[in-house]
Amino acid sequence: MSELITGIILAGGKGTRLWPLTQSRSKPAVPIAGKFRLIDIPISNCLHSEIRKIFILTQFNSESLNRHIAQSYSMPTIWPGFIAILAAQQTRERSEWFQGTADAVRQHLMNLVDRDTNYYIILAGDQLYRMDYRKIITFHKSKQADITICASPVHHSQLHRFGVLKTDVRDRIVEYVEKPCQEDNIEYLKLPREFFQRYRIEANHREFLASMGIYVFSKNVLFDVLKNEDHANFAGGIFPELIYRHQYNIYAHTFDGYWADVGTIQSFFEAMLSLTQPLPPFNFYETGAPIFTHPRFLPGAKIQECKSKNSIICEGAIIDHAEIYDSIVGIRSIIRNNSRLSRVIMMGADYYQFGAEYGQQLQNEIPIGIGQNCQIEDAIIDKNACIGDEVKILKRNRPENMEEIEGCVIKDGIVIVPKNTCLQNGTTLF
């Protein structure tokens, strides 16, 4: 089946809701779980689904993403496939950046023509989930669909983030409402009890069917739609129009596994902390389908007389007499004597500083990592951050949002220490 499917991963969004993590990188390049990047999820899902022809559409802050893909994914010559980056570009016909998801694909139609492809699967680059895309293609073929939209049942409180679908008993989509607000009358979109009985899944207070941003197009349909429709986005543009006109056979494929859209700081923070649970909802330890990433060949973590509970410590970390609870400590992280972390996502470092890993000051500068006697709670510490001694980032009396304080940002009550930021000795935040 692999020669019949081409994957298209949309990786060009600005990621404004994830700022400042996207200050110097695109959203799919944001580090996750201490050693991976968001883009690794859809690429790994493609490879495990025997999809060997993958295009990645990039635009904003793409340098680190491009470098990561080049370092991580070198397709063996024995595989008839590729992973290719298609960047936004000016041509004689068009001089604009990508205007949306559909426009990004539309601008690269000439590069997507492939006589050996029957189906295109379009994927988001900022989600956390496992999926065998072959099951969607099988569903698509069995329904003789033109377009298939992957969907998942969600709670009412999440509707403002997704497109909501209404289907008939054959799973054909009869209505599409993009990101309804609380004032909208959407009771008619509620899933009937028969829906959950048909799929043998638990409702768990999930009343609506949300688009996951994963689409399958039959080859000719994709080209016809993008040539004849001028909407910039699939969601909120092309799909509601096509469904209203009953122009194509558009079906919903229901997915009931773990799926997290980590497009906001709060959703990102919660998804990462969930990985520290004894039985996490997303399992990075599945040996039959590992998540691929850049092989760095780092040594094991060095831990000296530390206390730790429900935490992930990645390779290359050096931790000295520290306490770590419900946290992720990324690659090459340095945590020095008598520091305490609670609910912290520490993304690690891109390199070691000579001597700094042993607590030495470098030319009177604060070294990369966390200094001595620090206390940090509910925070995201981006790569290469330098946190001096006696620094306190406390949860009590913390505002929900603040654009800047000591070079840091607070969103949804979470302190974000941006990449390369330096906090001087004795800094106290709340």
Foldseek 3Di string as FASTA:
>chain_A
DQLAEEEEEEFADQLPQAPPLSVQATQQQRDALQAFGLQLQVVLLCVVLNHAAYEYEYEPNCPSVVVFCVQFDDDDPVDPHDYYYDYFDADPVGRDGQPEDLSSCLVCVVVVDDPRYFKYKYHYSFKADHDNCVVVVVVCVVVVFQKEFEKEFAAPVCQQPFWFFAADPSQFTQAIHGRDDPPDDCPVQFDDPVVCVVVVHDCPNRTTIGTPRIMMGGDVSSVVQSVVADDSYVHPGSVRVCSNVVPTRYGYDYDHADMFRCSHPVSSLVQRLLQLDPDRSRDCPPVVRHRTTRDDPAAAEAEACEAEHSEAEGGLEYEYCEYEYSEYAHHVAAHDHHEYEYSEYENEEPDADVPVSVPDDDPPAQFFHAEYNEYAYQEYEYYREGEYAQEYEDQPPADQWDCDDQCWTHHRSYIYNYHNRYHDHNHYHD
